């Protein structure tokens, strides 16, 4: 876009106030050159406080028929097959660390069933899940929610896990790291090796895992409910 065209566009959108759901999105908007910083505001996405409920993990695992002795890793997406979701990264993690196959079970939500037969990952796929009660059970049964995505403008499955008291591990790209309080609600991994190390540590440390789940749940209540989202928007209307 030429400088002159950009100036015209700025004048056209100047009366508008734009909201962004992450610092990542904010950076992209500013780099576009079409908006002024004073017209862009941060409003994180939220989910209704009572839509998902924290359920005792042992009970949730039993309801789903999961092995209570296994460390449950969860991955959720509307489309697991989408290339940007990076499912092959999960395969690489299990391929790199053989012990994970015996220690863990993977549960997935999404429109496509992962094909992990080649490396024999123990995966239980629940398909597309929209019912909040069923979703609460699955997210509560998980010991950790993981995201292997290359691109995310936010990362809603992470806060869905938080709403059920489940910490997260993500890769250090796009908006995902913003949702993690490092060492408190989860971990941000730079490499496959980092990600694998974090999974192994949590699978062997129930005390830290429980503390992270509590911190994740509190962060959800403080920052990522729909009520919080509405309150921020209402404040912007008075500016």
Protein backbone atom coordinates (compact mmCIF):
# COMPACT_ATOMS: atom_id res chain seq x y z
CA UNK A 1 0.00 0.00 0.00
CA UNK A 2 1.40 3.44 -0.98
CA UNK A 3 1.95 6.13 1.63
CA UNK A 4 -0.79 8.31 0.14
CA UNK A 5 -3.27 5.44 0.04
CA UNK A 6 -2.37 4.54 3.61
CA UNK A 7 -3.05 8.12 4.77
CA UNK A 8 -6.45 8.10 3.07
CA UNK A 9 -7.29 4.78 4.65
CA UNK A 10 -6.25 6.05 8.08
CA UNK A 11 -8.60 9.01 7.75
CA UNK A 12 -11.44 6.68 6.80
CA UNK A 13 -10.99 4.37 9.79
CA UNK A 14 -9.97 7.04 12.30
CA UNK A 15 -13.46 7.23 13.87
CA UNK A 16 -13.36 3.48 14.52
CA UNK A 17 -11.93 1.91 17.65
CA UNK A 18 -10.45 -1.51 16.94
CA UNK A 19 -9.99 -4.23 19.54
CA UNK A 20 -7.39 -6.97 19.45
CA UNK A 21 -7.35 -10.19 21.45
CA UNK A 22 -3.57 -10.55 21.82
CA UNK A 23 -0.33 -8.60 21.69
CA UNK A 24 0.50 -10.68 18.62
CA UNK A 25 -2.58 -9.35 16.80
CA UNK A 26 -1.83 -5.84 18.05
CA UNK A 27 1.66 -5.98 16.57
CA UNK A 28 0.28 -7.12 13.21
CA UNK A 29 -2.26 -4.28 13.20
CA UNK A 30 0.37 -1.62 13.93
CA UNK A 31 2.77 -3.03 11.35
CA UNK A 32 0.01 -2.80 8.73
CA UNK A 33 0.27 0.99 8.91
CA UNK A 34 -3.48 1.50 8.58
CA UNK A 35 -4.32 2.26 12.20
CA UNK A 36 -3.06 4.60 14.88
CA UNK A 37 -2.00 3.17 18.23
CA UNK A 38 -4.52 5.28 20.15
CA UNK A 39 -7.43 3.67 18.31
CA UNK A 40 -6.45 0.06 19.09
CA UNK A 41 -7.32 -1.58 22.40
CA UNK A 42 -6.62 -4.89 24.12
CA UNK A 43 -9.63 -7.09 24.87
CA UNK A 44 -8.71 -10.75 25.50
CA UNK A 45 -11.24 -13.35 24.45
CA UNK A 46 -13.31 -14.91 27.19
CA UNK A 47 -15.74 -17.73 27.84
CA UNK A 48 -18.73 -17.56 30.22
CA UNK A 49 -17.65 -18.22 33.79
CA UNK A 50 -20.20 -21.02 34.24
CA UNK A 51 -20.02 -22.58 30.77
CA UNK A 52 -17.23 -24.98 31.71
CA UNK A 53 -16.80 -26.43 35.17
CA UNK A 54 -13.83 -27.80 37.05
CA UNK A 55 -14.39 -31.47 37.87
CA UNK A 56 -12.23 -33.66 40.10
CA UNK A 57 -9.70 -35.24 37.75
CA UNK A 58 -9.88 -38.82 38.99
CA UNK A 59 -13.66 -38.77 38.61
CA UNK A 60 -13.49 -37.22 35.12
CA UNK A 61 -10.97 -39.85 34.00
CA UNK A 62 -13.18 -42.63 35.34
CA UNK A 63 -16.25 -41.28 33.54
CA UNK A 64 -14.35 -41.25 30.24
CA UNK A 65 -12.89 -44.71 30.77
CA UNK A 66 -9.33 -43.41 30.89
CA UNK A 67 -6.51 -45.10 32.77
CA UNK A 68 -6.26 -43.26 36.09
CA UNK A 69 -2.58 -44.14 36.33
CA UNK A 70 -1.69 -42.48 33.02
CA UNK A 71 -0.67 -38.87 32.51
CA UNK A 72 -3.38 -37.48 30.22
CA UNK A 73 -2.28 -35.11 27.46
CA UNK A 74 -5.03 -33.25 25.64
CA UNK A 75 -5.03 -31.56 22.26
CA UNK A 76 -8.12 -29.79 20.92
CA UNK A 77 -8.95 -27.99 17.69
CA UNK A 78 -11.89 -27.58 15.36
CA UNK A 79 -9.63 -29.08 12.68
CA UNK A 80 -6.70 -31.16 13.89
CA UNK A 81 -5.67 -31.82 10.30
CA UNK A 82 -5.04 -28.14 9.53
CA UNK A 83 -1.33 -27.76 8.79
CA UNK A 84 -0.94 -24.75 11.06
CA UNK A 85 -2.01 -26.86 14.06
CA UNK A 86 1.33 -28.67 13.89
CA UNK A 87 0.12 -32.14 14.81
CA UNK A 88 3.37 -33.57 13.45
CA UNK A 89 5.15 -31.79 16.30
CA UNK A 90 3.25 -33.98 18.76
CA UNK A 91 4.35 -37.05 16.83
CA UNK A 92 7.95 -35.81 16.93
CA UNK A 93 7.77 -35.41 20.70
CA UNK A 94 6.69 -39.02 21.17
CA UNK A 95 9.20 -40.21 18.62
CA UNK A 96 11.99 -38.42 20.51
CA UNK A 97 11.03 -39.70 23.96
CA UNK A 98 10.01 -43.37 24.06
CA UNK A 99 9.09 -43.26 27.78
CA UNK A 100 6.15 -40.98 27.05
CA UNK A 101 4.31 -43.77 25.27
CA UNK A 102 4.16 -45.82 28.47
CA UNK A 103 3.56 -42.91 30.85
CA UNK A 104 0.82 -41.11 28.95
CA UNK A 105 -2.44 -41.28 27.08
CA UNK A 106 -3.46 -38.62 24.56
CA UNK A 107 -7.05 -37.43 24.21
CA UNK A 108 -8.10 -35.30 21.27
CA UNK A 109 -11.09 -33.21 20.25
CA UNK A 110 -11.60 -32.22 16.65
CA UNK A 111 -13.19 -33.05 13.34
CA UNK A 112 -10.49 -35.49 12.22
CA UNK A 113 -9.01 -38.44 14.06
CA UNK A 114 -5.20 -38.24 14.32
CA UNK A 115 -3.31 -41.04 12.62
CA UNK A 116 -0.66 -42.01 15.14
CA UNK A 117 -0.43 -45.71 14.32
CA UNK A 118 3.07 -45.37 12.86
CA UNK A 119 4.55 -44.41 16.23
CA UNK A 120 1.92 -46.22 18.33
CA UNK A 121 0.71 -43.32 20.44
CA UNK A 122 -2.16 -44.23 22.74
CA UNK A 123 -4.81 -41.78 21.49
CA UNK A 124 -8.49 -41.62 22.40
CA UNK A 125 -10.36 -39.34 20.01
CA UNK A 126 -13.71 -37.85 21.00
CA UNK A 127 -14.55 -36.14 17.71
CA UNK A 128 -16.10 -32.67 17.63
CA UNK A 129 -17.43 -31.81 21.09
CA UNK A 130 -19.69 -28.80 21.66
CA UNK A 131 -21.72 -29.84 24.70
CA UNK A 132 -20.29 -27.85 27.63
CA UNK A 133 -20.85 -30.63 30.18
CA UNK A 134 -19.04 -33.22 28.07
CA UNK A 135 -16.33 -30.70 27.24
CA UNK A 136 -15.89 -29.93 30.95
CA UNK A 137 -15.36 -33.62 31.68
CA UNK A 138 -12.74 -34.00 28.95
CA UNK A 139 -10.78 -30.85 29.84
CA UNK A 140 -10.94 -31.75 33.55
CA UNK A 141 -9.72 -35.30 32.88
CA UNK A 142 -6.63 -33.94 31.13
CA UNK A 143 -3.51 -33.37 33.20
CA UNK A 144 -2.21 -30.89 30.64
CA UNK A 145 -3.54 -29.21 27.51
CA UNK A 146 -0.98 -28.84 24.75
CA UNK A 147 -0.86 -26.69 21.64
CA UNK A 148 1.58 -27.51 18.88
CA UNK A 149 0.24 -24.77 16.59
CA UNK A 150 2.46 -22.65 14.39
CA UNK A 151 -0.14 -19.86 14.17
CA UNK A 152 -2.79 -18.71 16.64
CA UNK A 153 -4.26 -15.25 17.08
CA UNK A 154 -5.27 -16.22 20.61
CA UNK A 155 -5.55 -19.88 21.73
CA UNK A 156 -9.00 -20.49 23.18
CA UNK A 157 -8.41 -24.16 24.00
CA UNK A 158 -5.79 -23.03 26.52
CA UNK A 159 -8.26 -20.95 28.52
CA UNK A 160 -10.86 -23.72 28.22
CA UNK A 161 -8.33 -25.92 29.96
CA UNK A 162 -7.71 -23.22 32.55
CA UNK A 163 -11.47 -23.05 33.24
CA UNK A 164 -11.28 -26.72 34.20
CA UNK A 165 -8.13 -26.39 36.28
CA UNK A 166 -5.76 -27.80 33.67
CA UNK A 167 -2.36 -26.18 32.92
CA UNK A 168 -0.86 -25.94 29.44
CA UNK A 169 2.31 -26.32 27.40
CA UNK A 170 2.69 -24.37 24.15
CA UNK A 171 5.37 -23.55 21.63
CA UNK A 172 6.92 -20.10 21.58
CA UNK A 173 5.15 -18.66 18.54
CA UNK A 174 2.24 -16.38 17.62
CA UNK A 175 -0.08 -15.43 20.51
CA UNK A 176 0.17 -18.62 22.56
CA UNK A 177 2.97 -17.58 24.98
CA UNK A 178 0.84 -14.65 26.16
CA UNK A 179 -1.60 -17.05 27.80
CA UNK A 180 1.06 -18.76 29.89
CA UNK A 181 2.44 -17.54 33.20
CA UNK A 182 5.73 -19.40 32.90
CA UNK A 183 6.19 -21.99 35.62
CA UNK A 184 2.84 -21.05 37.19
CA UNK A 185 0.09 -22.01 34.74
CA UNK A 186 2.29 -23.98 32.35
CA UNK A 187 5.34 -23.78 30.13
CA UNK A 188 6.43 -22.17 26.87
CA UNK A 189 8.76 -24.41 24.85
CA UNK A 190 11.21 -23.18 22.23
CA UNK A 191 12.08 -26.61 20.84
CA UNK A 192 10.79 -30.18 20.63
CA UNK A 193 13.35 -31.05 23.30
CA UNK A 194 12.04 -28.33 25.66
CA UNK A 195 8.46 -29.44 25.11
CA UNK A 196 9.35 -33.07 25.80
CA UNK A 197 11.25 -32.14 28.97
CA UNK A 198 8.27 -30.12 30.25
CA UNK A 199 5.88 -33.02 29.64
CA UNK A 200 8.15 -35.49 31.43
CA UNK A 201 8.61 -33.17 34.41
CA UNK A 202 4.88 -32.65 34.88
CA UNK A 203 4.10 -36.34 34.42
CA UNK A 204 6.42 -37.11 37.37
CA UNK A 205 5.55 -34.21 39.69
CA UNK A 206 1.96 -34.33 40.96
CA UNK A 207 2.54 -31.50 43.43
CA UNK A 208 3.65 -29.02 40.77
CA UNK A 209 0.92 -30.24 38.42
CA UNK A 210 -1.76 -29.62 41.05
CA UNK A 211 -0.39 -26.16 41.90
CA UNK A 212 -0.34 -25.22 38.22
CA UNK A 213 -3.94 -26.37 37.80
CA UNK A 214 -5.05 -24.17 40.69
CA UNK A 215 -3.12 -21.18 39.33
CA UNK A 216 -4.55 -21.74 35.84
CA UNK A 217 -8.09 -21.81 37.20
CA UNK A 218 -7.52 -18.58 39.13
CA UNK A 219 -6.06 -16.86 36.06
CA UNK A 220 -9.13 -17.86 34.06
CA UNK A 221 -11.44 -16.31 36.68
CA UNK A 222 -9.34 -13.14 36.88
CA UNK A 223 -8.76 -12.49 33.19
CA UNK A 224 -10.44 -14.78 30.68
CA UNK A 225 -14.16 -14.86 31.45
CA UNK A 226 -16.77 -13.32 29.17
CA UNK A 227 -17.73 -11.09 32.07
CA UNK A 228 -14.21 -9.65 32.16
CA UNK A 229 -14.32 -9.20 28.39
CA UNK A 230 -17.62 -7.27 28.58
CA UNK A 231 -16.35 -5.06 31.40
CA UNK A 232 -13.30 -4.05 29.36
CA UNK A 233 -15.50 -3.28 26.34
CA UNK A 234 -17.84 -1.17 28.46
CA UNK A 235 -14.92 0.90 29.73
CA UNK A 236 -13.83 1.55 26.16
CA UNK A 237 -17.27 2.90 25.32
CA UNK A 238 -16.75 5.69 27.83
CA UNK A 239 -13.44 6.86 26.30
